[in-house]
All heavy atoms as atom14 arrays in JSON, in Angstrom:
{
  "sequence": "GVDISAFESLESPAERGEVFSVGIVSSNLPKKGINDFVRLASELE",
  "atom14_mask": [
    [1, 1, 1, 1, 0, 0, 0, 0, 0, 0, 0, 0, 0, 0],
    [1, 1, 1, 1, 1, 1, 1, 0, 0, 0, 0, 0, 0, 0],
    [1, 1, 1, 1, 1, 1, 1, 1, 0, 0, 0, 0, 0, 0],
    [1, 1, 1, 1, 1, 1, 1, 1, 0, 0, 0, 0, 0, 0],
    [1, 1, 1, 1, 1, 1, 0, 0, 0, 0, 0, 0, 0, 0],
    [1, 1, 1, 1, 1, 0, 0, 0, 0, 0, 0, 0, 0, 0],
    [1, 1, 1, 1, 1, 1, 1, 1, 1, 1, 1, 0, 0, 0],
    [1, 1, 1, 1, 1, 1, 1, 1, 1, 0, 0, 0, 0, 0],
    [1, 1, 1, 1, 1, 1, 0, 0, 0, 0, 0, 0, 0, 0],
    [1, 1, 1, 1, 1, 1, 1, 1, 0, 0, 0, 0, 0, 0],
    [1, 1, 1, 1, 1, 1, 1, 1, 1, 0, 0, 0, 0, 0],
    [1, 1, 1, 1, 1, 1, 0, 0, 0, 0, 0, 0, 0, 0],
    [1, 1, 1, 1, 1, 1, 1, 0, 0, 0, 0, 0, 0, 0],
    [1, 1, 1, 1, 1, 0, 0, 0, 0, 0, 0, 0, 0, 0],
    [1, 1, 1, 1, 1, 1, 1, 1, 1, 0, 0, 0, 0, 0],
    [1, 1, 1, 1, 1, 1, 1, 1, 1, 1, 1, 0, 0, 0],
    [1, 1, 1, 1, 0, 0, 0, 0, 0, 0, 0, 0, 0, 0],
    [1, 1, 1, 1, 1, 1, 1, 1, 1, 0, 0, 0, 0, 0],
    [1, 1, 1, 1, 1, 1, 1, 0, 0, 0, 0, 0, 0, 0],
    [1, 1, 1, 1, 1, 1, 1, 1, 1, 1, 1, 0, 0, 0],
    [1, 1, 1, 1, 1, 1, 0, 0, 0, 0, 0, 0, 0, 0],
    [1, 1, 1, 1, 1, 1, 1, 0, 0, 0, 0, 0, 0, 0],
    [1, 1, 1, 1, 0, 0, 0, 0, 0, 0, 0, 0, 0, 0],
    [1, 1, 1, 1, 1, 1, 1, 1, 0, 0, 0, 0, 0, 0],
    [1, 1, 1, 1, 1, 1, 1, 0, 0, 0, 0, 0, 0, 0],
    [1, 1, 1, 1, 1, 1, 0, 0, 0, 0, 0, 0, 0, 0],
    [1, 1, 1, 1, 1, 1, 0, 0, 0, 0, 0, 0, 0, 0],
    [1, 1, 1, 1, 1, 1, 1, 1, 0, 0, 0, 0, 0, 0],
    [1, 1, 1, 1, 1, 1, 1, 1, 0, 0, 0, 0, 0, 0],
    [1, 1, 1, 1, 1, 1, 1, 0, 0, 0, 0, 0, 0, 0],
    [1, 1, 1, 1, 1, 1, 1, 1, 1, 0, 0, 0, 0, 0],
    [1, 1, 1, 1, 1, 1, 1, 1, 1, 0, 0, 0, 0, 0],
    [1, 1, 1, 1, 0, 0, 0, 0, 0, 0, 0, 0, 0, 0],
    [1, 1, 1, 1, 1, 1, 1, 1, 0, 0, 0, 0, 0, 0],
    [1, 1, 1, 1, 1, 1, 1, 1, 0, 0, 0, 0, 0, 0],
    [1, 1, 1, 1, 1, 1, 1, 1, 0, 0, 0, 0, 0, 0],
    [1, 1, 1, 1, 1, 1, 1, 1, 1, 1, 1, 0, 0, 0],
    [1, 1, 1, 1, 1, 1, 1, 0, 0, 0, 0, 0, 0, 0],
    [1, 1, 1, 1, 1, 1, 1, 1, 1, 1, 1, 0, 0, 0],
    [1, 1, 1, 1, 1, 1, 1, 1, 0, 0, 0, 0, 0, 0],
    [1, 1, 1, 1, 1, 0, 0, 0, 0, 0, 0, 0, 0, 0],
    [1, 1, 1, 1, 1, 1, 0, 0, 0, 0, 0, 0, 0, 0],
    [1, 1, 1, 1, 1, 1, 1, 1, 1, 0, 0, 0, 0, 0],
    [1, 1, 1, 1, 1, 1, 1, 1, 0, 0, 0, 0, 0, 0],
    [1, 1, 1, 1, 1, 1, 1, 1, 1, 0, 0, 0, 0, 0]
  ],
  "atom14_positions": [
    [[-51.86, 72.19, 286.07], [-52.44, 72.21, 284.73], [-53.03, 70.88, 284.38], [-53.01, 69.94, 285.14], [0.0, 0.0, 0.0], [0.0, 0.0, 0.0], [0.0, 0.0, 0.0], [0.0, 0.0, 0.0], [0.0, 0.0, 0.0], [0.0, 0.0, 0.0], [0.0, 0.0, 0.0], [0.0, 0.0, 0.0], [0.0, 0.0, 0.0], [0.0, 0.0, 0.0]],
    [[-53.57, 70.81, 283.17], [-54.19, 69.6, 282.72], [-53.95, 69.43, 281.21], [-53.95, 70.41, 280.47], [-55.7, 69.59, 283.01], [-56.42, 70.68, 282.25], [-56.34, 68.23, 282.77], [0.0, 0.0, 0.0], [0.0, 0.0, 0.0], [0.0, 0.0, 0.0], [0.0, 0.0, 0.0], [0.0, 0.0, 0.0], [0.0, 0.0, 0.0], [0.0, 0.0, 0.0]],
    [[-53.73, 68.2, 280.81], [-53.58, 67.89, 279.39], [-54.99, 67.68, 278.83], [-55.6, 66.62, 278.99], [-52.75, 66.63, 279.2], [-52.5, 66.27, 277.74], [-53.07, 66.96, 276.87], [-51.82, 65.28, 277.48], [0.0, 0.0, 0.0], [0.0, 0.0, 0.0], [0.0, 0.0, 0.0], [0.0, 0.0, 0.0], [0.0, 0.0, 0.0], [0.0, 0.0, 0.0]],
    [[-55.54, 68.71, 278.22], [-56.93, 68.66, 277.75], [-57.14, 67.46, 276.81], [-58.17, 66.8, 276.87], [-57.3, 69.97, 277.02], [-57.1, 71.18, 277.97], [-58.71, 69.92, 276.51], [-57.98, 71.16, 279.15], [0.0, 0.0, 0.0], [0.0, 0.0, 0.0], [0.0, 0.0, 0.0], [0.0, 0.0, 0.0], [0.0, 0.0, 0.0], [0.0, 0.0, 0.0]],
    [[-56.16, 67.18, 275.94], [-56.31, 66.11, 274.96], [-56.47, 64.74, 275.62], [-57.02, 63.85, 275.02], [-55.11, 66.08, 274.01], [-53.9, 65.82, 274.73], [0.0, 0.0, 0.0], [0.0, 0.0, 0.0], [0.0, 0.0, 0.0], [0.0, 0.0, 0.0], [0.0, 0.0, 0.0], [0.0, 0.0, 0.0], [0.0, 0.0, 0.0], [0.0, 0.0, 0.0]],
    [[-55.97, 64.61, 276.84], [-56.05, 63.3, 277.55], [-57.42, 63.07, 278.13], [-57.72, 61.94, 278.58], [-54.99, 63.25, 278.63], [0.0, 0.0, 0.0], [0.0, 0.0, 0.0], [0.0, 0.0, 0.0], [0.0, 0.0, 0.0], [0.0, 0.0, 0.0], [0.0, 0.0, 0.0], [0.0, 0.0, 0.0], [0.0, 0.0, 0.0], [0.0, 0.0, 0.0]],
    [[-58.26, 64.11, 278.19], [-59.57, 63.99, 278.82], [-60.76, 64.27, 277.9], [-61.87, 63.82, 278.15], [-59.67, 64.95, 280.03], [-58.8, 64.54, 281.18], [-57.48, 65.01, 281.25], [-59.26, 63.69, 282.19], [-56.67, 64.63, 282.32], [-58.45, 63.33, 283.23], [-57.15, 63.8, 283.31], [0.0, 0.0, 0.0], [0.0, 0.0, 0.0], [0.0, 0.0, 0.0]],
    [[-60.53, 65.05, 276.84], [-61.68, 65.54, 276.05], [-62.47, 64.46, 275.33], [-63.64, 64.67, 274.98], [-61.19, 66.61, 275.05], [-60.16, 66.08, 274.05], [-59.62, 67.2, 273.16], [-60.12, 68.35, 273.29], [-58.71, 66.96, 272.33], [0.0, 0.0, 0.0], [0.0, 0.0, 0.0], [0.0, 0.0, 0.0], [0.0, 0.0, 0.0], [0.0, 0.0, 0.0]],
    [[-61.87, 63.3, 275.1], [-62.58, 62.25, 274.34], [-63.21, 61.2, 275.27], [-63.74, 60.2, 274.79], [-61.62, 61.56, 273.37], [-60.56, 60.94, 274.06], [0.0, 0.0, 0.0], [0.0, 0.0, 0.0], [0.0, 0.0, 0.0], [0.0, 0.0, 0.0], [0.0, 0.0, 0.0], [0.0, 0.0, 0.0], [0.0, 0.0, 0.0], [0.0, 0.0, 0.0]],
    [[-63.19, 61.44, 276.58], [-63.73, 60.45, 277.5], [-65.27, 60.49, 277.49], [-65.86, 61.51, 277.83], [-63.24, 60.73, 278.92], [-61.74, 60.49, 279.22], [-61.45, 60.82, 280.68], [-61.33, 59.08, 278.9], [0.0, 0.0, 0.0], [0.0, 0.0, 0.0], [0.0, 0.0, 0.0], [0.0, 0.0, 0.0], [0.0, 0.0, 0.0], [0.0, 0.0, 0.0]],
    [[-65.88, 59.41, 277.11], [-67.32, 59.32, 277.18], [-67.77, 59.14, 278.6], [-67.13, 58.44, 279.38], [-67.82, 58.15, 276.34], [-67.89, 58.41, 274.85], [-68.62, 57.29, 274.12], [-68.38, 56.12, 274.45], [-69.42, 57.6, 273.24], [0.0, 0.0, 0.0], [0.0, 0.0, 0.0], [0.0, 0.0, 0.0], [0.0, 0.0, 0.0], [0.0, 0.0, 0.0]],
    [[-68.89, 59.76, 278.95], [-69.46, 59.56, 280.26], [-70.35, 58.33, 280.27], [-70.73, 57.83, 279.22], [-70.28, 60.8, 280.67], [-71.45, 60.89, 279.86], [0.0, 0.0, 0.0], [0.0, 0.0, 0.0], [0.0, 0.0, 0.0], [0.0, 0.0, 0.0], [0.0, 0.0, 0.0], [0.0, 0.0, 0.0], [0.0, 0.0, 0.0], [0.0, 0.0, 0.0]],
    [[-70.64, 57.79, 281.47], [-71.51, 56.61, 281.53], [-72.84, 56.81, 280.79], [-73.32, 55.91, 280.09], [-71.72, 56.41, 283.04], [-70.47, 56.96, 283.64], [-70.13, 58.13, 282.79], [0.0, 0.0, 0.0], [0.0, 0.0, 0.0], [0.0, 0.0, 0.0], [0.0, 0.0, 0.0], [0.0, 0.0, 0.0], [0.0, 0.0, 0.0], [0.0, 0.0, 0.0]],
    [[-73.47, 57.98, 280.96], [-74.76, 58.23, 280.29], [-74.6, 58.2, 278.78], [-75.46, 57.71, 278.06], [-75.35, 59.56, 280.75], [0.0, 0.0, 0.0], [0.0, 0.0, 0.0], [0.0, 0.0, 0.0], [0.0, 0.0, 0.0], [0.0, 0.0, 0.0], [0.0, 0.0, 0.0], [0.0, 0.0, 0.0], [0.0, 0.0, 0.0], [0.0, 0.0, 0.0]],
    [[-73.48, 58.74, 278.29], [-73.24, 58.72, 276.82], [-73.03, 57.31, 276.32], [-73.35, 57.0, 275.14], [-71.99, 59.56, 276.5], [-72.21, 61.06, 276.67], [-70.91, 61.85, 276.46], [-69.87, 61.44, 277.0], [-70.97, 62.9, 275.79], [0.0, 0.0, 0.0], [0.0, 0.0, 0.0], [0.0, 0.0, 0.0], [0.0, 0.0, 0.0], [0.0, 0.0, 0.0]],
    [[-72.56, 56.41, 277.17], [-72.39, 55.03, 276.81], [-73.64, 54.19, 277.01], [-73.65, 52.98, 276.82], [-71.25, 54.39, 277.62], [-69.89, 55.03, 277.42], [-68.77, 54.18, 278.0], [-68.87, 54.04, 279.44], [-68.24, 54.84, 280.32], [-67.49, 55.85, 279.89], [-68.35, 54.63, 281.62], [0.0, 0.0, 0.0], [0.0, 0.0, 0.0], [0.0, 0.0, 0.0]],
    [[-74.74, 54.84, 277.39], [-76.0, 54.15, 277.63], [-76.08, 53.46, 278.98], [-76.92, 52.59, 279.17], [0.0, 0.0, 0.0], [0.0, 0.0, 0.0], [0.0, 0.0, 0.0], [0.0, 0.0, 0.0], [0.0, 0.0, 0.0], [0.0, 0.0, 0.0], [0.0, 0.0, 0.0], [0.0, 0.0, 0.0], [0.0, 0.0, 0.0], [0.0, 0.0, 0.0]],
    [[-75.23, 53.86, 279.9], [-75.24, 53.25, 281.24], [-75.97, 54.16, 282.21], [-76.47, 55.23, 281.86], [-73.79, 53.02, 281.7], [-72.98, 52.13, 280.76], [-71.51, 52.08, 281.13], [-71.12, 52.64, 282.18], [-70.71, 51.51, 280.34], [0.0, 0.0, 0.0], [0.0, 0.0, 0.0], [0.0, 0.0, 0.0], [0.0, 0.0, 0.0], [0.0, 0.0, 0.0]],
    [[-76.04, 53.75, 283.45], [-76.71, 54.51, 284.47], [-75.96, 55.82, 284.76], [-74.74, 55.82, 284.83], [-76.83, 53.69, 285.8], [-77.51, 54.51, 286.89], [-77.65, 52.42, 285.56], [0.0, 0.0, 0.0], [0.0, 0.0, 0.0], [0.0, 0.0, 0.0], [0.0, 0.0, 0.0], [0.0, 0.0, 0.0], [0.0, 0.0, 0.0], [0.0, 0.0, 0.0]],
    [[-76.68, 56.92, 284.86], [-76.09, 58.21, 285.19], [-75.37, 58.1, 286.52], [-75.93, 57.61, 287.53], [-77.23, 59.25, 285.29], [-76.74, 60.68, 285.39], [-76.59, 61.48, 284.27], [-76.49, 61.24, 286.66], [-76.17, 62.78, 284.37], [-76.07, 62.55, 286.77], [-75.92, 63.32, 285.63], [0.0, 0.0, 0.0], [0.0, 0.0, 0.0], [0.0, 0.0, 0.0]],
    [[-74.08, 58.55, 286.55], [-73.27, 58.33, 287.74], [-72.71, 59.64, 288.27], [-72.23, 60.49, 287.53], [-72.08, 57.39, 287.41], [-72.56, 56.1, 287.03], [0.0, 0.0, 0.0], [0.0, 0.0, 0.0], [0.0, 0.0, 0.0], [0.0, 0.0, 0.0], [0.0, 0.0, 0.0], [0.0, 0.0, 0.0], [0.0, 0.0, 0.0], [0.0, 0.0, 0.0]],
    [[-72.74, 59.74, 289.59], [-72.12, 60.86, 290.29], [-71.12, 60.28, 291.25], [-71.36, 59.22, 291.85], [-73.17, 61.73, 291.04], [-73.95, 60.89, 292.02], [-72.49, 62.87, 291.76], [0.0, 0.0, 0.0], [0.0, 0.0, 0.0], [0.0, 0.0, 0.0], [0.0, 0.0, 0.0], [0.0, 0.0, 0.0], [0.0, 0.0, 0.0], [0.0, 0.0, 0.0]],
    [[-69.94, 60.91, 291.4], [-68.93, 60.31, 292.23], [-67.98, 61.29, 292.89], [-67.9, 62.45, 292.53], [0.0, 0.0, 0.0], [0.0, 0.0, 0.0], [0.0, 0.0, 0.0], [0.0, 0.0, 0.0], [0.0, 0.0, 0.0], [0.0, 0.0, 0.0], [0.0, 0.0, 0.0], [0.0, 0.0, 0.0], [0.0, 0.0, 0.0], [0.0, 0.0, 0.0]],
    [[-67.26, 60.75, 293.84], [-66.2, 61.49, 294.55], [-64.91, 60.72, 294.3], [-64.86, 59.5, 294.41], [-66.53, 61.64, 296.04], [-65.54, 62.53, 296.73], [-66.61, 60.27, 296.74], [-65.96, 62.93, 298.16], [0.0, 0.0, 0.0], [0.0, 0.0, 0.0], [0.0, 0.0, 0.0], [0.0, 0.0, 0.0], [0.0, 0.0, 0.0], [0.0, 0.0, 0.0]],
    [[-63.85, 61.46, 293.95], [-62.53, 60.85, 293.71], [-61.58, 61.44, 294.71], [-61.3, 62.67, 294.68], [-62.05, 61.12, 292.28], [-60.7, 60.46, 292.05], [-63.07, 60.64, 291.26], [0.0, 0.0, 0.0], [0.0, 0.0, 0.0], [0.0, 0.0, 0.0], [0.0, 0.0, 0.0], [0.0, 0.0, 0.0], [0.0, 0.0, 0.0], [0.0, 0.0, 0.0]],
    [[-61.06, 60.65, 295.65], [-60.26, 61.21, 296.72], [-59.39, 60.15, 297.37], [-59.43, 58.98, 297.02], [-61.14, 61.88, 297.76], [-61.68, 60.92, 298.66], [0.0, 0.0, 0.0], [0.0, 0.0, 0.0], [0.0, 0.0, 0.0], [0.0, 0.0, 0.0], [0.0, 0.0, 0.0], [0.0, 0.0, 0.0], [0.0, 0.0, 0.0], [0.0, 0.0, 0.0]],
    [[-58.65, 60.61, 298.39], [-57.83, 59.68, 299.2], [-58.67, 59.02, 300.27], [-58.18, 58.19, 301.02], [-56.69, 60.45, 299.84], [-57.19, 61.55, 300.61], [0.0, 0.0, 0.0], [0.0, 0.0, 0.0], [0.0, 0.0, 0.0], [0.0, 0.0, 0.0], [0.0, 0.0, 0.0], [0.0, 0.0, 0.0], [0.0, 0.0, 0.0], [0.0, 0.0, 0.0]],
    [[-59.96, 59.38, 300.33], [-60.92, 58.74, 301.22], [-60.56, 58.84, 302.69], [-60.74, 57.87, 303.46], [-61.16, 57.28, 300.81], [-61.91, 57.2, 299.47], [-62.53, 58.15, 299.03], [-61.77, 56.05, 298.79], [0.0, 0.0, 0.0], [0.0, 0.0, 0.0], [0.0, 0.0, 0.0], [0.0, 0.0, 0.0], [0.0, 0.0, 0.0], [0.0, 0.0, 0.0]],
    [[-60.07, 60.02, 303.09], [-59.87, 60.32, 304.48], [-61.08, 61.09, 304.98], [-61.83, 61.67, 304.19], [-58.59, 61.19, 304.63], [-57.29, 60.49, 304.19], [-56.14, 61.5, 304.26], [-56.99, 59.26, 305.02], [0.0, 0.0, 0.0], [0.0, 0.0, 0.0], [0.0, 0.0, 0.0], [0.0, 0.0, 0.0], [0.0, 0.0, 0.0], [0.0, 0.0, 0.0]],
    [[-61.29, 61.16, 306.3], [-62.48, 61.83, 306.83], [-62.64, 63.27, 306.32], [-63.74, 63.71, 306.0], [-62.25, 61.8, 308.34], [-61.41, 60.6, 308.55], [-60.5, 60.5, 307.37], [0.0, 0.0, 0.0], [0.0, 0.0, 0.0], [0.0, 0.0, 0.0], [0.0, 0.0, 0.0], [0.0, 0.0, 0.0], [0.0, 0.0, 0.0], [0.0, 0.0, 0.0]],
    [[-61.52, 64.0, 306.21], [-61.6, 65.42, 305.84], [-62.06, 65.63, 304.4], [-62.4, 66.74, 303.99], [-60.23, 66.13, 306.03], [-59.12, 65.61, 305.14], [-57.82, 66.37, 305.43], [-56.7, 65.94, 304.5], [-55.45, 66.7, 304.78], [0.0, 0.0, 0.0], [0.0, 0.0, 0.0], [0.0, 0.0, 0.0], [0.0, 0.0, 0.0], [0.0, 0.0, 0.0]],
    [[-62.04, 64.55, 303.6], [-62.51, 64.65, 302.22], [-64.02, 64.65, 302.08], [-64.55, 64.73, 300.97], [-61.91, 63.5, 301.39], [-60.41, 63.63, 301.16], [-60.08, 64.78, 300.23], [-58.62, 64.8, 299.83], [-58.31, 65.91, 298.88], [0.0, 0.0, 0.0], [0.0, 0.0, 0.0], [0.0, 0.0, 0.0], [0.0, 0.0, 0.0], [0.0, 0.0, 0.0]],
    [[-64.73, 64.49, 303.2], [-66.17, 64.56, 303.14], [-66.83, 63.28, 302.65], [-67.91, 63.33, 302.05], [0.0, 0.0, 0.0], [0.0, 0.0, 0.0], [0.0, 0.0, 0.0], [0.0, 0.0, 0.0], [0.0, 0.0, 0.0], [0.0, 0.0, 0.0], [0.0, 0.0, 0.0], [0.0, 0.0, 0.0], [0.0, 0.0, 0.0], [0.0, 0.0, 0.0]],
    [[-66.19, 62.15, 302.96], [-66.77, 60.87, 302.52], [-68.14, 60.61, 303.17], [-69.07, 60.11, 302.52], [-65.81, 59.72, 302.81], [-64.41, 60.01, 302.22], [-66.32, 58.4, 302.24], [-64.41, 60.29, 300.76], [0.0, 0.0, 0.0], [0.0, 0.0, 0.0], [0.0, 0.0, 0.0], [0.0, 0.0, 0.0], [0.0, 0.0, 0.0], [0.0, 0.0, 0.0]],
    [[-68.24, 60.94, 304.45], [-69.54, 60.78, 305.14], [-70.61, 61.62, 304.49], [-71.77, 61.2, 304.39], [-69.38, 61.11, 306.61], [-70.54, 60.62, 307.43], [-71.2, 59.63, 307.08], [-70.84, 61.27, 308.54], [0.0, 0.0, 0.0], [0.0, 0.0, 0.0], [0.0, 0.0, 0.0], [0.0, 0.0, 0.0], [0.0, 0.0, 0.0], [0.0, 0.0, 0.0]],
    [[-70.25, 62.82, 304.05], [-71.2, 63.68, 303.36], [-71.69, 63.02, 302.05], [-72.86, 63.14, 301.69], [-70.57, 65.02, 303.03], [-70.16, 65.82, 304.25], [-69.53, 65.23, 305.15], [-70.5, 67.0, 304.33], [0.0, 0.0, 0.0], [0.0, 0.0, 0.0], [0.0, 0.0, 0.0], [0.0, 0.0, 0.0], [0.0, 0.0, 0.0], [0.0, 0.0, 0.0]],
    [[-70.75, 62.34, 301.36], [-71.13, 61.7, 300.12], [-72.06, 60.5, 300.35], [-72.99, 60.26, 299.59], [-69.87, 61.23, 299.36], [-70.19, 60.7, 298.0], [-70.52, 61.53, 296.95], [-70.18, 59.33, 297.75], [-70.82, 61.05, 295.68], [-70.49, 58.83, 296.49], [-70.8, 59.69, 295.45], [0.0, 0.0, 0.0], [0.0, 0.0, 0.0], [0.0, 0.0, 0.0]],
    [[-71.81, 59.77, 301.44], [-72.69, 58.65, 301.78], [-74.12, 59.19, 302.04], [-75.11, 58.61, 301.6], [-72.16, 57.88, 303.0], [-73.16, 56.82, 303.49], [-70.82, 57.24, 302.68], [0.0, 0.0, 0.0], [0.0, 0.0, 0.0], [0.0, 0.0, 0.0], [0.0, 0.0, 0.0], [0.0, 0.0, 0.0], [0.0, 0.0, 0.0], [0.0, 0.0, 0.0]],
    [[-74.17, 60.31, 302.73], [-75.5, 60.89, 303.04], [-76.13, 61.43, 301.74], [-77.35, 61.38, 301.58], [-75.35, 62.04, 304.04], [-76.7, 62.58, 304.53], [-77.44, 61.48, 305.28], [-78.83, 61.83, 305.56], [-79.84, 61.64, 304.71], [-79.64, 61.09, 303.52], [-81.08, 61.93, 305.05], [0.0, 0.0, 0.0], [0.0, 0.0, 0.0], [0.0, 0.0, 0.0]],
    [[-75.33, 61.94, 300.83], [-75.86, 62.38, 299.51], [-76.46, 61.21, 298.77], [-77.56, 61.33, 298.17], [-74.73, 62.99, 298.68], [-75.05, 63.26, 297.2], [-76.13, 64.32, 297.07], [-73.78, 63.69, 296.44], [0.0, 0.0, 0.0], [0.0, 0.0, 0.0], [0.0, 0.0, 0.0], [0.0, 0.0, 0.0], [0.0, 0.0, 0.0], [0.0, 0.0, 0.0]],
    [[-75.79, 60.05, 298.8], [-76.31, 58.85, 298.14], [-77.67, 58.48, 298.74], [-78.62, 58.15, 298.0], [-75.35, 57.7, 298.29], [0.0, 0.0, 0.0], [0.0, 0.0, 0.0], [0.0, 0.0, 0.0], [0.0, 0.0, 0.0], [0.0, 0.0, 0.0], [0.0, 0.0, 0.0], [0.0, 0.0, 0.0], [0.0, 0.0, 0.0], [0.0, 0.0, 0.0]],
    [[-77.81, 58.57, 300.04], [-79.07, 58.27, 300.7], [-80.17, 59.26, 300.26], [-81.32, 58.88, 300.02], [-78.92, 58.32, 302.22], [-78.03, 57.34, 302.68], [0.0, 0.0, 0.0], [0.0, 0.0, 0.0], [0.0, 0.0, 0.0], [0.0, 0.0, 0.0], [0.0, 0.0, 0.0], [0.0, 0.0, 0.0], [0.0, 0.0, 0.0], [0.0, 0.0, 0.0]],
    [[-79.79, 60.52, 300.15], [-80.75, 61.55, 299.72], [-81.24, 61.32, 298.31], [-82.43, 61.44, 298.02], [-80.09, 62.93, 299.86], [-80.96, 64.09, 299.4], [-82.17, 64.32, 300.32], [-82.12, 63.96, 301.49], [-83.17, 64.89, 299.81], [0.0, 0.0, 0.0], [0.0, 0.0, 0.0], [0.0, 0.0, 0.0], [0.0, 0.0, 0.0], [0.0, 0.0, 0.0]],
    [[-80.31, 60.96, 297.41], [-80.69, 60.7, 296.01], [-81.57, 59.45, 295.93], [-82.47, 59.37, 295.11], [-79.42, 60.54, 295.15], [-78.57, 61.82, 295.0], [-77.28, 61.48, 294.28], [-79.33, 62.92, 294.26], [0.0, 0.0, 0.0], [0.0, 0.0, 0.0], [0.0, 0.0, 0.0], [0.0, 0.0, 0.0], [0.0, 0.0, 0.0], [0.0, 0.0, 0.0]],
    [[-81.28, 58.5, 296.79], [-82.1, 57.29, 296.81], [-83.5, 57.58, 297.32], [-84.51, 57.06, 296.78], [-81.44, 56.24, 297.72], [-82.04, 54.84, 297.62], [-81.2, 53.82, 298.38], [-80.8, 54.12, 299.54], [-80.96, 52.72, 297.85], [0.0, 0.0, 0.0], [0.0, 0.0, 0.0], [0.0, 0.0, 0.0], [0.0, 0.0, 0.0], [0.0, 0.0, 0.0]]
  ]
}
C-alpha cells in the first residue's frame, strides 16, 4: 500500500521551474535494466 498523503503534495521538478526529469529508482543491479536506462538517456539526447 501507499500513504497517499505522504506523496500528494510533492511538486515535480517542472512545477518548480526546473528541467523536466525522468528517472529510474532501484537497487541498481543489472536485472533492474540500468543499461536500458543509459541507452534511453542517449536516445533522448
